[in-house]
Amino acid sequence: MCLYVAAEAEEVTDWLHKFSNLTRALRFMVRLKRWIQRRWNRGPGPDPLQPMTAQELSEAFDACLVRSQLQCLEVEVRELRHSRPVPRKSPLATLDPFLDAKGILRVGGRLHHSALPFHLKHPPILDGSSHLATLVIDWAHARSIHGGFKATYVQSVFNPNPLPHRVFNTR
């Protein structure tokens, strides 16, 4: 007997709303991924309770980011996946967005000629109405020692470890 379960993107990302802390959500994702790998391989695998690496946390954030973009910026991602330009009426049209190798929607433009690192030249685009955007802003606000808008913005955009990301509000 085989059981096949299909879930829509909204249901998959709905679990993120259960978390009020970005770090806890990412740690949960890493542990879940380890548990699935261990169950899938039916043998020794990564222990879900072992210390997590920065790479695992970064991969977990990238997965959350891709899901959030698929949920909130579906039209733009679909057009770029089919090698078509973003619709002119889209609020992202002026950002010259593109999909990177991981499938993350990023800001394009003239900065590709600069000597800045990739994550600063092409920050990911995150819809301001998503729960992930709220978690990222809360994380940056705490990292900036509860500073004001500018300190939180600088922390969220220019801090390379572990989550250098930009929030774009489409409201």
C-alpha atoms as a PDB file:
ATOM      1  CA  MET A   1       0.000   0.000   0.000  1.00  0.00           C
ATOM      2  CA  CYS A   2       1.373   3.404  -0.949  1.00  0.00           C
ATOM      3  CA  LEU A   3       0.204   6.749   0.327  1.00  0.00           C
ATOM      4  CA  TYR A   4       0.778   9.853  -1.746  1.00  0.00           C
ATOM      5  CA  VAL A   5       0.348  13.237  -0.103  1.00  0.00           C
ATOM      6  CA  ALA A   6       0.432  16.505  -2.026  1.00  0.00           C
ATOM      7  CA  ALA A   7       0.615  19.896  -0.359  1.00  0.00           C
ATOM      8  CA  GLU A   8       0.271  23.331  -1.834  1.00  0.00           C
ATOM      9  CA  ALA A   9       2.984  25.945  -1.338  1.00  0.00           C
ATOM     10  CA  GLU A  10       0.797  27.846   1.127  1.00  0.00           C
ATOM     11  CA  GLU A  11       0.475  24.779   3.347  1.00  0.00           C
ATOM     12  CA  VAL A  12       4.200  24.102   3.202  1.00  0.00           C
ATOM     13  CA  THR A  13       5.154  27.603   4.305  1.00  0.00           C
ATOM     14  CA  ASP A  14       2.344  27.809   6.846  1.00  0.00           C
ATOM     15  CA  TRP A  15       4.566  26.124   9.459  1.00  0.00           C
ATOM     16  CA  LEU A  16       6.796  29.209   9.443  1.00  0.00           C
ATOM     17  CA  HIS A  17       3.986  31.188  11.107  1.00  0.00           C
ATOM     18  CA  LYS A  18       4.414  29.007  14.187  1.00  0.00           C
ATOM     19  CA  PHE A  19       7.777  30.654  14.863  1.00  0.00           C
ATOM     20  CA  SER A  20       8.334  34.141  16.224  1.00  0.00           C
ATOM     21  CA  ASN A  21      12.119  33.854  16.046  1.00  0.00           C
ATOM     22  CA  LEU A  22      14.150  33.373  12.857  1.00  0.00           C
ATOM     23  CA  THR A  23      16.938  31.453  14.571  1.00  0.00           C
ATOM     24  CA  ARG A  24      14.498  28.942  16.077  1.00  0.00           C
ATOM     25  CA  ALA A  25      12.812  28.441  12.709  1.00  0.00           C
ATOM     26  CA  LEU A  26      16.133  27.799  10.965  1.00  0.00           C
ATOM     27  CA  ARG A  27      17.286  25.397  13.674  1.00  0.00           C
ATOM     28  CA  PHE A  28      14.006  23.528  13.363  1.00  0.00           C
ATOM     29  CA  MET A  29      14.519  23.239   9.598  1.00  0.00           C
ATOM     30  CA  VAL A  30      18.057  21.892  10.020  1.00  0.00           C
ATOM     31  CA  ARG A  31      16.909  19.309  12.564  1.00  0.00           C
ATOM     32  CA  LEU A  32      13.996  18.299  10.355  1.00  0.00           C
ATOM     33  CA  LYS A  33      16.271  17.910   7.330  1.00  0.00           C
ATOM     34  CA  ARG A  34      18.691  15.776   9.352  1.00  0.00           C
ATOM     35  CA  TRP A  35      15.852  13.621  10.672  1.00  0.00           C
ATOM     36  CA  ILE A  36      14.461  13.109   7.151  1.00  0.00           C
ATOM     37  CA  GLN A  37      17.918  12.198   5.809  1.00  0.00           C
ATOM     38  CA  ARG A  38      18.405   9.722   8.624  1.00  0.00           C
ATOM     39  CA  ARG A  39      14.983   8.114   8.093  1.00  0.00           C
ATOM     40  CA  TRP A  40      15.363   8.083   4.309  1.00  0.00           C
ATOM     41  CA  ASN A  41      18.778   6.383   4.360  1.00  0.00           C
ATOM     42  CA  ARG A  42      17.631   3.922   7.054  1.00  0.00           C
ATOM     43  CA  GLY A  43      21.038   3.935   8.647  1.00  0.00           C
ATOM     44  CA  PRO A  44      23.583   6.119  10.320  1.00  0.00           C
ATOM     45  CA  GLY A  45      23.282   9.690   9.248  1.00  0.00           C
ATOM     46  CA  PRO A  46      23.620  13.127  10.711  1.00  0.00           C
ATOM     47  CA  ASP A  47      22.299  13.214  14.265  1.00  0.00           C
ATOM     48  CA  PRO A  48      19.507  15.807  14.544  1.00  0.00           C
ATOM     49  CA  LEU A  49      20.811  16.920  17.942  1.00  0.00           C
ATOM     50  CA  GLN A  50      24.435  17.538  16.898  1.00  0.00           C
ATOM     51  CA  PRO A  51      25.655  21.162  16.690  1.00  0.00           C
ATOM     52  CA  MET A  52      24.635  22.877  13.470  1.00  0.00           C
ATOM     53  CA  THR A  53      27.011  24.372  10.962  1.00  0.00           C
ATOM     54  CA  ALA A  54      26.710  27.830   9.438  1.00  0.00           C
ATOM     55  CA  GLN A  55      26.333  26.206   6.026  1.00  0.00           C
ATOM     56  CA  GLU A  56      23.321  24.184   7.191  1.00  0.00           C
ATOM     57  CA  LEU A  57      21.684  27.296   8.639  1.00  0.00           C
ATOM     58  CA  SER A  58      22.400  29.217   5.431  1.00  0.00           C
ATOM     59  CA  GLU A  59      20.864  26.423   3.340  1.00  0.00           C
ATOM     60  CA  ALA A  60      17.809  26.413   5.616  1.00  0.00           C
ATOM     61  CA  PHE A  61      17.402  30.167   5.182  1.00  0.00           C
ATOM     62  CA  ASP A  62      17.776  29.865   1.419  1.00  0.00           C
ATOM     63  CA  ALA A  63      15.031  27.211   1.399  1.00  0.00           C
ATOM     64  CA  CYS A  64      12.748  29.498   3.449  1.00  0.00           C
ATOM     65  CA  LEU A  65      13.551  32.386   1.129  1.00  0.00           C
ATOM     66  CA  VAL A  66      12.734  30.416  -2.023  1.00  0.00           C
ATOM     67  CA  ARG A  67       9.423  29.224  -0.526  1.00  0.00           C
ATOM     68  CA  SER A  68       8.505  32.728   0.590  1.00  0.00           C
ATOM     69  CA  GLN A  69       9.320  34.146  -2.842  1.00  0.00           C
ATOM     70  CA  LEU A  70       7.257  31.443  -4.545  1.00  0.00           C
ATOM     71  CA  GLN A  71       4.336  32.249  -2.293  1.00  0.00           C
ATOM     72  CA  CYS A  72       4.470  36.067  -2.399  1.00  0.00           C
ATOM     73  CA  LEU A  73       6.145  36.843  -5.739  1.00  0.00           C
ATOM     74  CA  GLU A  74       4.771  33.955  -7.779  1.00  0.00           C
ATOM     75  CA  VAL A  75       4.237  35.829 -11.065  1.00  0.00           C
ATOM     76  CA  GLU A  76       7.733  37.321 -11.153  1.00  0.00           C
ATOM     77  CA  VAL A  77       9.445  34.021 -10.307  1.00  0.00           C
ATOM     78  CA  ARG A  78       7.382  32.133 -12.898  1.00  0.00           C
ATOM     79  CA  GLU A  79       8.232  34.638 -15.635  1.00  0.00           C
ATOM     80  CA  LEU A  80      11.952  34.538 -14.852  1.00  0.00           C
ATOM     81  CA  ARG A  81      11.977  30.723 -14.767  1.00  0.00           C
ATOM     82  CA  HIS A  82      10.574  30.730 -18.300  1.00  0.00           C
ATOM     83  CA  SER A  83      13.276  33.221 -19.387  1.00  0.00           C
ATOM     84  CA  ARG A  84      10.755  36.007 -19.832  1.00  0.00           C
ATOM     85  CA  PRO A  85      11.047  39.539 -18.437  1.00  0.00           C
ATOM     86  CA  VAL A  86       9.153  40.584 -15.326  1.00  0.00           C
ATOM     87  CA  PRO A  87       5.833  42.310 -16.182  1.00  0.00           C
ATOM     88  CA  ARG A  88       6.175  46.091 -16.511  1.00  0.00           C
ATOM     89  CA  LYS A  89       3.417  46.702 -13.967  1.00  0.00           C
ATOM     90  CA  SER A  90       5.270  44.684 -11.336  1.00  0.00           C
ATOM     91  CA  PRO A  91       6.852  46.709  -8.511  1.00  0.00           C
ATOM     92  CA  LEU A  92      10.018  44.663  -9.095  1.00  0.00           C
ATOM     93  CA  ALA A  93      10.432  45.694 -12.743  1.00  0.00           C
ATOM     94  CA  THR A  94      12.751  48.610 -11.908  1.00  0.00           C
ATOM     95  CA  LEU A  95      15.043  46.325  -9.878  1.00  0.00           C
ATOM     96  CA  ASP A  96      16.024  44.220 -12.922  1.00  0.00           C
ATOM     97  CA  PRO A  97      15.490  40.980 -10.953  1.00  0.00           C
ATOM     98  CA  PHE A  98      17.053  37.640 -11.847  1.00  0.00           C
ATOM     99  CA  LEU A  99      17.118  34.099 -10.469  1.00  0.00           C
ATOM    100  CA  ASP A 100      20.463  32.830  -9.214  1.00  0.00           C
ATOM    101  CA  ALA A 101      21.681  29.218  -9.384  1.00  0.00           C
ATOM    102  CA  LYS A 102      19.760  28.337  -6.199  1.00  0.00           C
ATOM    103  CA  GLY A 103      16.500  29.740  -7.554  1.00  0.00           C
ATOM    104  CA  ILE A 104      16.581  32.828  -5.332  1.00  0.00           C
ATOM    105  CA  LEU A 105      15.117  36.027  -6.772  1.00  0.00           C
ATOM    106  CA  ARG A 106      17.786  38.753  -6.558  1.00  0.00           C
ATOM    107  CA  VAL A 107      18.226  42.421  -7.449  1.00  0.00           C
ATOM    108  CA  GLY A 108      20.113  42.940 -10.707  1.00  0.00           C
ATOM    109  CA  GLY A 109      21.496  46.127 -12.188  1.00  0.00           C
ATOM    110  CA  ARG A 110      24.757  47.963 -12.731  1.00  0.00           C
ATOM    111  CA  LEU A 111      26.354  46.866  -9.468  1.00  0.00           C
ATOM    112  CA  HIS A 112      27.560  43.661 -11.127  1.00  0.00           C
ATOM    113  CA  HIS A 113      30.599  45.710 -12.240  1.00  0.00           C
ATOM    114  CA  SER A 114      31.572  46.638  -8.670  1.00  0.00           C
ATOM    115  CA  ALA A 115      34.103  44.898  -6.433  1.00  0.00           C
ATOM    116  CA  LEU A 116      31.516  44.187  -3.725  1.00  0.00           C
ATOM    117  CA  PRO A 117      30.761  40.590  -2.699  1.00  0.00           C
ATOM    118  CA  PHE A 118      27.900  38.868  -4.549  1.00  0.00           C
ATOM    119  CA  HIS A 119      25.443  39.070  -1.631  1.00  0.00           C
ATOM    120  CA  LEU A 120      25.869  42.869  -1.483  1.00  0.00           C
ATOM    121  CA  LYS A 121      25.783  43.435  -5.250  1.00  0.00           C
ATOM    122  CA  HIS A 122      22.688  41.308  -5.673  1.00  0.00           C
ATOM    123  CA  PRO A 123      20.677  41.078  -2.434  1.00  0.00           C
ATOM    124  CA  PRO A 124      17.710  38.709  -2.363  1.00  0.00           C
ATOM    125  CA  ILE A 125      14.262  40.231  -2.774  1.00  0.00           C
ATOM    126  CA  LEU A 126      11.841  39.512   0.036  1.00  0.00           C
ATOM    127  CA  ASP A 127       8.210  40.641   0.031  1.00  0.00           C
ATOM    128  CA  GLY A 128       7.544  42.911   2.989  1.00  0.00           C
ATOM    129  CA  SER A 129       4.160  41.313   3.689  1.00  0.00           C
ATOM    130  CA  SER A 130       5.618  37.829   4.249  1.00  0.00           C
ATOM    131  CA  HIS A 131       6.136  36.380   7.703  1.00  0.00           C
ATOM    132  CA  LEU A 132       9.760  35.661   6.788  1.00  0.00           C
ATOM    133  CA  ALA A 133      10.323  39.398   6.268  1.00  0.00           C
ATOM    134  CA  THR A 134       9.000  40.045   9.771  1.00  0.00           C
ATOM    135  CA  LEU A 135      11.340  37.405  11.199  1.00  0.00           C
ATOM    136  CA  VAL A 136      14.351  38.857   9.343  1.00  0.00           C
ATOM    137  CA  ILE A 137      13.581  42.399  10.549  1.00  0.00           C
ATOM    138  CA  ASP A 138      13.136  41.193  14.137  1.00  0.00           C
ATOM    139  CA  TRP A 139      16.436  39.293  13.890  1.00  0.00           C
ATOM    140  CA  ALA A 140      18.266  42.360  12.526  1.00  0.00           C
ATOM    141  CA  HIS A 141      16.675  44.615  15.148  1.00  0.00           C
ATOM    142  CA  ALA A 142      17.913  42.353  17.952  1.00  0.00           C
ATOM    143  CA  ARG A 143      21.369  42.058  16.325  1.00  0.00           C
ATOM    144  CA  SER A 144      21.638  45.854  16.186  1.00  0.00           C
ATOM    145  CA  ILE A 145      20.973  45.964  19.940  1.00  0.00           C
ATOM    146  CA  HIS A 146      17.472  47.371  19.402  1.00  0.00           C
ATOM    147  CA  GLY A 147      18.749  50.339  17.412  1.00  0.00           C
ATOM    148  CA  GLY A 148      16.543  52.469  15.236  1.00  0.00           C
ATOM    149  CA  PHE A 149      15.595  52.092  11.603  1.00  0.00           C
ATOM    150  CA  LYS A 150      19.047  52.825  10.153  1.00  0.00           C
ATOM    151  CA  ALA A 151      20.886  50.459  12.504  1.00  0.00           C
ATOM    152  CA  THR A 152      18.396  47.677  11.765  1.00  0.00           C
ATOM    153  CA  TYR A 153      18.627  48.315   8.021  1.00  0.00           C
ATOM    154  CA  VAL A 154      22.422  48.244   8.035  1.00  0.00           C
ATOM    155  CA  GLN A 155      22.405  45.067  10.112  1.00  0.00           C
ATOM    156  CA  SER A 156      19.999  43.304   7.760  1.00  0.00           C
ATOM    157  CA  VAL A 157      21.702  44.364   4.526  1.00  0.00           C
ATOM    158  CA  PHE A 158      25.418  44.660   5.178  1.00  0.00           C
ATOM    159  CA  ASN A 159      26.101  42.012   7.804  1.00  0.00           C
ATOM    160  CA  PRO A 160      27.490  39.043   5.873  1.00  0.00           C
ATOM    161  CA  ASN A 161      26.977  36.456   8.625  1.00  0.00           C
ATOM    162  CA  PRO A 162      24.745  34.595   8.721  1.00  0.00           C
ATOM    163  CA  LEU A 163      21.867  36.293   6.882  1.00  0.00           C
ATOM    164  CA  PRO A 164      22.686  39.184   4.527  1.00  0.00           C
ATOM    165  CA  HIS A 165      19.315  40.044   3.023  1.00  0.00           C
ATOM    166  CA  ARG A 166      17.208  42.961   1.909  1.00  0.00           C
ATOM    167  CA  VAL A 167      13.495  43.304   2.491  1.00  0.00           C
ATOM    168  CA  PHE A 168      11.376  44.773  -0.308  1.00  0.00           C
ATOM    169  CA  ASN A 169       7.910  46.002   0.575  1.00  0.00           C
ATOM    170  CA  THR A 170       5.335  45.580  -2.200  1.00  0.00           C
ATOM    171  CA  ARG A 171       2.359  46.991  -0.287  1.00  0.00           C
END
